[in-house]
Amino acid sequence: MKALTTIVWAAAVATASLQPAYGETRVTYKSAKAASSYYQMAVQIAEAAKIGSGGQVLVTVEESQGSVQNVMEAASRTGNYVFTTPPALVGAAQTGKGPFKGKENPKFGEIRALFPIPSLTMHFVVRADAGVDRLAGLAGKTILLGKGSFGAREGAKYLELFGLKDKVKVASAELGNAVAALKNRQIDAFVTAGSYPAPNVIEAAAGTGVRVLSLTDEQVQATKRARLVIPAGTYAGQSADVVTTSLPVVAYTTSSMSDDTAYALTKAFWSQRGKMAASAAWWKGVDGKLLANIPGKIHPGALKYYREAGFPLAAQHQ
């Protein structure tokens, strides 16, 4: 009888070890392509959630083909689904515009924000010896925009917006060749967009010497993008702040997520942000001020944390 009792007890322990711990919450985080910086950020957030929640919030990262897919899946996913996207796409989904025209779904109205992540930041990068210190100075220069990316589209828009479209030569090359082309003097400048500090700008600044151009406040306003400041010292040789534009990116969920889970995930994220910044510099640009770039509602559970922590909130967040 004693041996039988021991076997039953051992079996119970083994079975229990296969079950989730009491109170453990599973979250799915839909991010970006596996090779992207935003996928790396998702992995860091997953680790931050585990550490910041004491192991109670466990995040599984899923690869994505892009922000439109992430938003579209919000209409069919249930439970603890978290995804990343620029806020403008959420607005488009909720109004049936752009890529969501003809694909309207009332569940898009249940999308709620959790916290901001690093923005897509515009960089106009010029070889240091090119004698250019403002956008107008690009006239007569050869510039590489790349193809198909947000940065390429935005760069082309700015050239037209500021009267430079017919005054510059646009190099026909991929953005991946930008640093080598700059070093070999095949181009004078390139445009890139990504979370700062951008790896290709770091490489160019260290190996060639570059200047990242600032926009005036009037130029920023004309772009209708969010104003962002890249702090002095971010890149080698950068002695002053750089004023530029950005496309905010936010981690969202839906009202299907419980208030307790949203609170725990948001609290864990902010409690670990400093540690994430120590290992990956792109987190240094994320602070409470970025909440101002969220035009819609924040999840009630996240709002509870923000109120407790004294974060700045706006009327539209309620």
Protein backbone atom coordinates (compact mmCIF):
# COMPACT_ATOMS: atom_id res chain seq x y z
CA MET A 1 0.00 0.00 0.00
CA LYS A 2 2.84 2.36 0.86
CA ALA A 3 4.49 1.70 -2.53
CA LEU A 4 1.20 2.31 -4.34
CA THR A 5 0.71 5.59 -2.47
CA THR A 6 4.21 6.68 -3.45
CA ILE A 7 3.55 5.91 -7.12
CA VAL A 8 0.25 7.83 -7.09
CA TRP A 9 1.92 10.84 -5.40
CA ALA A 10 4.79 10.83 -7.91
CA ALA A 11 2.35 10.67 -10.82
CA ALA A 12 0.42 13.62 -9.42
CA VAL A 13 3.59 15.68 -9.11
CA ALA A 14 4.62 14.83 -12.68
CA THR A 15 1.17 15.76 -14.01
CA ALA A 16 1.19 19.04 -12.09
CA SER A 17 4.60 19.94 -13.52
CA LEU A 18 3.10 19.83 -17.01
CA GLN A 19 0.36 22.34 -16.14
CA PRO A 20 0.76 26.15 -16.15
CA ALA A 21 1.62 27.62 -12.78
CA TYR A 22 -1.29 29.02 -10.78
CA GLY A 23 -2.10 32.53 -11.92
CA GLU A 24 0.12 32.28 -15.00
CA THR A 25 -1.12 34.30 -18.01
CA ARG A 26 -0.24 33.56 -21.61
CA VAL A 27 0.00 36.39 -24.14
CA THR A 28 0.57 36.20 -27.91
CA TYR A 29 2.61 39.09 -29.32
CA LYS A 30 2.35 39.58 -33.08
CA SER A 31 5.35 41.59 -34.20
CA ALA A 32 7.19 41.81 -37.53
CA LYS A 33 9.43 39.78 -39.80
CA ALA A 34 11.95 37.69 -37.88
CA ALA A 35 14.92 39.52 -39.40
CA SER A 36 13.68 42.97 -38.36
CA SER A 37 14.63 45.12 -35.38
CA TYR A 38 10.98 45.13 -34.30
CA TYR A 39 11.04 41.35 -33.93
CA GLN A 40 14.11 41.71 -31.71
CA MET A 41 12.19 44.27 -29.67
CA ALA A 42 9.33 41.80 -29.29
CA VAL A 43 11.71 39.18 -27.91
CA GLN A 44 13.03 41.75 -25.44
CA ILE A 45 9.49 42.66 -24.39
CA ALA A 46 8.69 38.98 -23.84
CA GLU A 47 11.67 38.68 -21.49
CA ALA A 48 10.74 41.96 -19.77
CA ALA A 49 7.18 40.73 -19.20
CA LYS A 50 8.42 37.51 -17.63
CA ILE A 51 10.90 39.27 -15.33
CA GLY A 52 8.71 42.27 -14.51
CA SER A 53 5.72 40.09 -13.63
CA GLY A 54 7.68 37.58 -11.60
CA GLY A 55 6.97 34.88 -14.17
CA GLN A 56 3.21 35.40 -14.14
CA VAL A 57 2.94 36.90 -17.65
CA LEU A 58 4.47 34.72 -20.36
CA VAL A 59 4.66 36.14 -23.88
CA THR A 60 4.97 34.11 -27.07
CA VAL A 61 6.27 36.09 -30.04
CA GLU A 62 4.80 35.45 -33.49
CA GLU A 63 6.37 36.57 -36.75
CA SER A 64 4.29 38.82 -38.98
CA GLN A 65 4.39 40.05 -42.56
CA GLY A 66 3.51 43.58 -41.52
CA SER A 67 1.33 45.98 -39.61
CA VAL A 68 -1.74 45.60 -41.85
CA GLN A 69 -1.82 41.87 -41.13
CA ASN A 70 -1.42 42.56 -37.41
CA VAL A 71 -4.41 44.90 -37.34
CA MET A 72 -6.52 42.63 -39.54
CA GLU A 73 -6.06 39.72 -37.16
CA ALA A 74 -7.43 41.81 -34.28
CA ALA A 75 -10.88 41.12 -35.75
CA SER A 76 -10.54 37.36 -35.39
CA ARG A 77 -8.16 36.78 -32.48
CA THR A 78 -9.53 36.26 -29.00
CA GLY A 79 -8.01 36.51 -25.56
CA ASN A 80 -4.60 38.00 -24.93
CA TYR A 81 -3.61 39.09 -28.44
CA VAL A 82 -1.03 41.91 -28.60
CA PHE A 83 0.22 43.40 -31.86
CA THR A 84 2.30 46.33 -33.06
CA THR A 85 1.37 48.94 -35.64
CA PRO A 86 1.46 52.67 -36.33
CA PRO A 87 -1.66 54.27 -34.80
CA ALA A 88 -2.70 55.59 -38.22
CA LEU A 89 -3.48 52.04 -39.36
CA VAL A 90 -5.76 51.48 -36.38
CA GLY A 91 -7.60 54.64 -37.34
CA ALA A 92 -7.85 53.42 -40.94
CA ALA A 93 -9.28 50.08 -39.80
CA GLN A 94 -11.85 51.75 -37.57
CA THR A 95 -13.03 54.03 -40.38
CA GLY A 96 -12.77 51.53 -43.23
CA LYS A 97 -10.15 53.47 -45.16
CA GLY A 98 -6.91 52.63 -46.97
CA PRO A 99 -6.05 48.91 -46.89
CA PHE A 100 -9.19 48.24 -44.83
CA LYS A 101 -11.68 49.65 -47.33
CA GLY A 102 -14.35 47.02 -47.91
CA LYS A 103 -13.02 44.99 -44.95
CA GLU A 104 -14.84 46.83 -42.18
CA ASN A 105 -15.41 44.94 -38.93
CA PRO A 106 -16.99 46.19 -35.70
CA LYS A 107 -14.28 44.41 -33.74
CA PHE A 108 -11.75 46.98 -34.96
CA GLY A 109 -13.58 49.35 -32.63
CA GLU A 110 -12.42 47.23 -29.69
CA ILE A 111 -8.70 47.85 -30.31
CA ARG A 112 -7.01 49.47 -27.31
CA ALA A 113 -3.45 50.74 -26.83
CA LEU A 114 -1.03 49.42 -24.20
CA PHE A 115 2.31 51.22 -24.56
CA PRO A 116 4.53 52.93 -27.16
CA ILE A 117 7.59 51.22 -28.61
CA PRO A 118 10.44 52.82 -30.61
CA SER A 119 9.22 54.99 -33.47
CA LEU A 120 10.25 54.78 -37.12
CA THR A 121 12.60 57.77 -37.15
CA MET A 122 13.59 59.63 -40.32
CA HIS A 123 17.33 60.13 -40.87
CA PHE A 124 18.80 62.30 -43.63
CA VAL A 125 22.43 61.16 -43.50
CA VAL A 126 25.09 63.20 -45.36
CA ARG A 127 28.81 62.56 -45.74
CA ALA A 128 30.56 64.89 -43.31
CA ASP A 129 32.74 66.50 -45.98
CA ALA A 130 29.85 67.17 -48.38
CA GLY A 131 29.34 70.66 -47.01
CA VAL A 132 25.65 70.17 -46.26
CA ASP A 133 24.11 71.33 -43.00
CA ARG A 134 20.41 71.60 -43.90
CA LEU A 135 17.95 69.98 -46.32
CA ALA A 136 18.22 72.79 -48.87
CA GLY A 137 21.92 71.99 -49.15
CA LEU A 138 21.10 68.65 -50.79
CA ALA A 139 20.48 70.45 -54.08
CA GLY A 140 22.97 69.18 -56.66
CA LYS A 141 23.84 66.11 -54.56
CA THR A 142 23.34 62.39 -55.18
CA ILE A 143 21.06 60.76 -52.64
CA LEU A 144 20.04 57.15 -52.06
CA LEU A 145 16.45 56.54 -50.97
CA GLY A 146 16.17 52.79 -51.37
CA LYS A 147 13.02 51.10 -52.64
CA GLY A 148 9.68 50.02 -51.24
CA SER A 149 10.21 50.93 -47.59
CA PHE A 150 8.51 53.54 -45.43
CA GLY A 151 11.78 55.49 -45.36
CA ALA A 152 12.03 55.49 -49.16
CA ARG A 153 8.45 56.69 -49.60
CA GLU A 154 8.78 59.30 -46.89
CA GLY A 155 12.14 60.50 -48.22
CA ALA A 156 10.71 60.97 -51.70
CA LYS A 157 7.75 62.85 -50.22
CA TYR A 158 10.06 65.24 -48.36
CA LEU A 159 12.17 65.93 -51.46
CA GLU A 160 9.02 66.96 -53.31
CA LEU A 161 7.55 68.82 -50.35
CA PHE A 162 10.65 70.97 -49.92
CA GLY A 163 11.31 71.66 -53.60
CA LEU A 164 14.24 69.26 -54.01
CA LYS A 165 12.70 66.61 -56.27
CA ASP A 166 14.23 68.01 -59.47
CA LYS A 167 17.38 69.33 -57.82
CA VAL A 168 18.91 66.07 -56.60
CA LYS A 169 20.04 62.90 -58.34
CA VAL A 170 18.41 59.83 -56.83
CA ALA A 171 20.73 56.83 -56.89
CA SER A 172 19.29 53.57 -58.18
CA ALA A 173 20.43 51.18 -55.48
CA GLU A 174 19.18 49.28 -52.46
CA LEU A 175 19.43 50.84 -49.02
CA GLY A 176 21.66 47.97 -47.91
CA ASN A 177 24.38 49.42 -50.15
CA ALA A 178 24.14 52.91 -48.64
CA VAL A 179 27.08 52.80 -46.23
CA ALA A 180 29.52 51.37 -48.81
CA ALA A 181 28.29 53.80 -51.47
CA LEU A 182 28.76 56.73 -49.10
CA LYS A 183 32.27 55.58 -48.18
CA ASN A 184 33.21 55.14 -51.86
CA ARG A 185 31.80 58.59 -52.72
CA GLN A 186 29.24 57.14 -55.09
CA ILE A 187 26.57 59.06 -53.18
CA ASP A 188 26.56 62.14 -50.98
CA ALA A 189 23.68 61.18 -48.74
CA PHE A 190 21.10 58.52 -47.93
CA VAL A 191 17.72 58.38 -46.23
CA THR A 192 16.77 55.71 -43.74
CA ALA A 193 13.94 55.20 -41.28
CA GLY A 194 14.08 52.99 -38.22
CA SER A 195 14.30 53.04 -34.48
CA TYR A 196 17.25 55.14 -33.40
CA PRO A 197 20.14 54.64 -33.07
CA ALA A 198 19.90 53.07 -36.53
CA PRO A 199 22.59 50.41 -37.17
CA ASN A 200 23.42 51.66 -40.67
CA VAL A 201 23.84 55.24 -39.39
CA ILE A 202 26.07 54.03 -36.56
CA GLU A 203 28.22 52.19 -39.12
CA ALA A 204 28.42 55.20 -41.44
CA ALA A 205 29.24 57.60 -38.61
CA ALA A 206 32.00 55.37 -37.29
CA GLY A 207 33.57 54.46 -40.62
CA THR A 208 33.08 57.50 -42.84
CA GLY A 209 31.95 60.42 -40.74
CA VAL A 210 28.47 61.79 -41.34
CA ARG A 211 26.07 64.55 -40.42
CA VAL A 212 22.43 63.78 -39.66
CA LEU A 213 20.41 66.76 -40.85
CA SER A 214 17.91 68.61 -38.68
CA LEU A 215 14.55 69.84 -39.89
CA THR A 216 13.16 73.21 -38.86
CA ASP A 217 9.95 73.23 -36.82
CA GLU A 218 8.17 74.63 -39.89
CA GLN A 219 9.40 71.71 -41.99
CA VAL A 220 8.32 69.22 -39.35
CA GLN A 221 4.86 70.78 -39.30
CA ALA A 222 4.65 70.62 -43.11
CA THR A 223 5.31 66.86 -43.08
CA LYS A 224 2.34 66.27 -40.73
CA ARG A 225 4.45 63.73 -38.86
CA ALA A 226 5.35 63.61 -35.18
CA ARG A 227 8.34 65.71 -34.11
CA LEU A 228 11.20 63.74 -32.58
CA VAL A 229 14.59 64.76 -31.21
CA ILE A 230 17.63 62.50 -31.57
CA PRO A 231 19.79 63.50 -28.59
CA ALA A 232 23.33 64.83 -29.09
CA GLY A 233 25.91 62.06 -28.88
CA THR A 234 23.63 59.38 -30.29
CA TYR A 235 25.99 59.00 -33.26
CA ALA A 236 29.74 59.53 -33.49
CA GLY A 237 30.47 63.16 -34.22
CA GLN A 238 26.94 64.34 -33.41
CA SER A 239 27.51 67.32 -31.12
CA ALA A 240 23.96 68.70 -31.11
CA ASP A 241 20.39 67.45 -30.95
CA VAL A 242 18.84 66.55 -34.30
CA VAL A 243 15.21 67.51 -34.90
CA THR A 244 13.45 65.12 -37.26
CA THR A 245 10.14 63.36 -37.81
CA SER A 246 8.87 59.96 -36.84
CA LEU A 247 6.05 57.51 -37.35
CA PRO A 248 4.91 56.35 -33.91
CA VAL A 249 4.57 52.60 -33.31
CA VAL A 250 2.43 51.25 -30.50
CA ALA A 251 1.71 47.89 -28.87
CA TYR A 252 -2.05 47.28 -28.98
CA THR A 253 -4.49 44.68 -27.73
CA THR A 254 -8.29 44.45 -27.73
CA SER A 255 -10.97 44.72 -25.08
CA SER A 256 -10.89 40.90 -24.89
CA MET A 257 -7.82 41.23 -22.67
CA SER A 258 -8.70 41.50 -19.00
CA ASP A 259 -7.90 44.64 -17.04
CA ASP A 260 -5.62 42.65 -14.74
CA THR A 261 -3.58 41.27 -17.63
CA ALA A 262 -3.27 44.65 -19.35
CA TYR A 263 -2.20 46.21 -16.06
CA ALA A 264 0.40 43.52 -15.35
CA LEU A 265 1.85 43.60 -18.88
CA THR A 266 2.04 47.41 -18.99
CA LYS A 267 3.60 47.62 -15.54
CA ALA A 268 6.15 44.93 -16.41
CA PHE A 269 7.08 46.75 -19.63
CA TRP A 270 7.77 50.09 -17.94
CA SER A 271 9.49 48.55 -14.93
CA GLN A 272 11.98 46.85 -17.26
CA ARG A 273 12.38 49.65 -19.84
CA GLY A 274 15.56 50.96 -18.19
CA LYS A 275 17.17 47.53 -18.25
CA MET A 276 16.17 47.04 -21.88
CA ALA A 277 17.72 50.43 -22.75
CA ALA A 278 20.97 49.37 -21.11
CA SER A 279 21.27 46.44 -23.53
CA ALA A 280 19.58 47.95 -26.62
CA ALA A 281 19.86 51.70 -27.19
CA TRP A 282 16.62 52.00 -29.18
CA TRP A 283 14.68 51.82 -25.89
CA LYS A 284 16.30 55.04 -24.68
CA GLY A 285 13.93 57.03 -26.89
CA VAL A 286 10.83 55.53 -25.28
CA ASP A 287 9.33 57.49 -22.41
CA GLY A 288 5.96 58.68 -21.15
CA LYS A 289 5.93 61.62 -23.55
CA LEU A 290 5.27 59.19 -26.41
CA LEU A 291 1.79 58.55 -25.02
CA ALA A 292 0.88 61.84 -26.68
CA ASN A 293 1.34 60.08 -30.05
CA ILE A 294 -1.51 57.65 -29.28
CA PRO A 295 -4.66 59.21 -30.75
CA GLY A 296 -7.16 56.61 -29.53
CA LYS A 297 -8.22 54.82 -26.39
CA ILE A 298 -5.84 53.09 -24.00
CA HIS A 299 -6.89 49.80 -22.41
CA PRO A 300 -8.50 50.39 -18.97
CA GLY A 301 -5.99 48.07 -17.31
CA ALA A 302 -3.08 50.02 -18.77
CA LEU A 303 -4.79 53.29 -17.82
CA LYS A 304 -4.90 52.12 -14.22
CA TYR A 305 -1.13 51.70 -14.22
CA TYR A 306 -0.52 55.05 -15.93
CA ARG A 307 -2.65 56.87 -13.36
CA GLU A 308 -0.87 55.17 -10.48
CA ALA A 309 2.54 55.96 -11.96
CA GLY A 310 1.66 59.58 -12.80
CA PHE A 311 2.09 59.31 -16.58
CA PRO A 312 0.71 62.15 -18.76
CA LEU A 313 -2.69 61.26 -20.23
CA ALA A 314 -5.05 63.02 -22.61
CA ALA A 315 -8.82 63.09 -22.91
CA GLN A 316 -8.85 60.72 -25.91
CA HIS A 317 -7.08 58.03 -23.88
CA GLN A 318 -9.98 57.52 -21.47
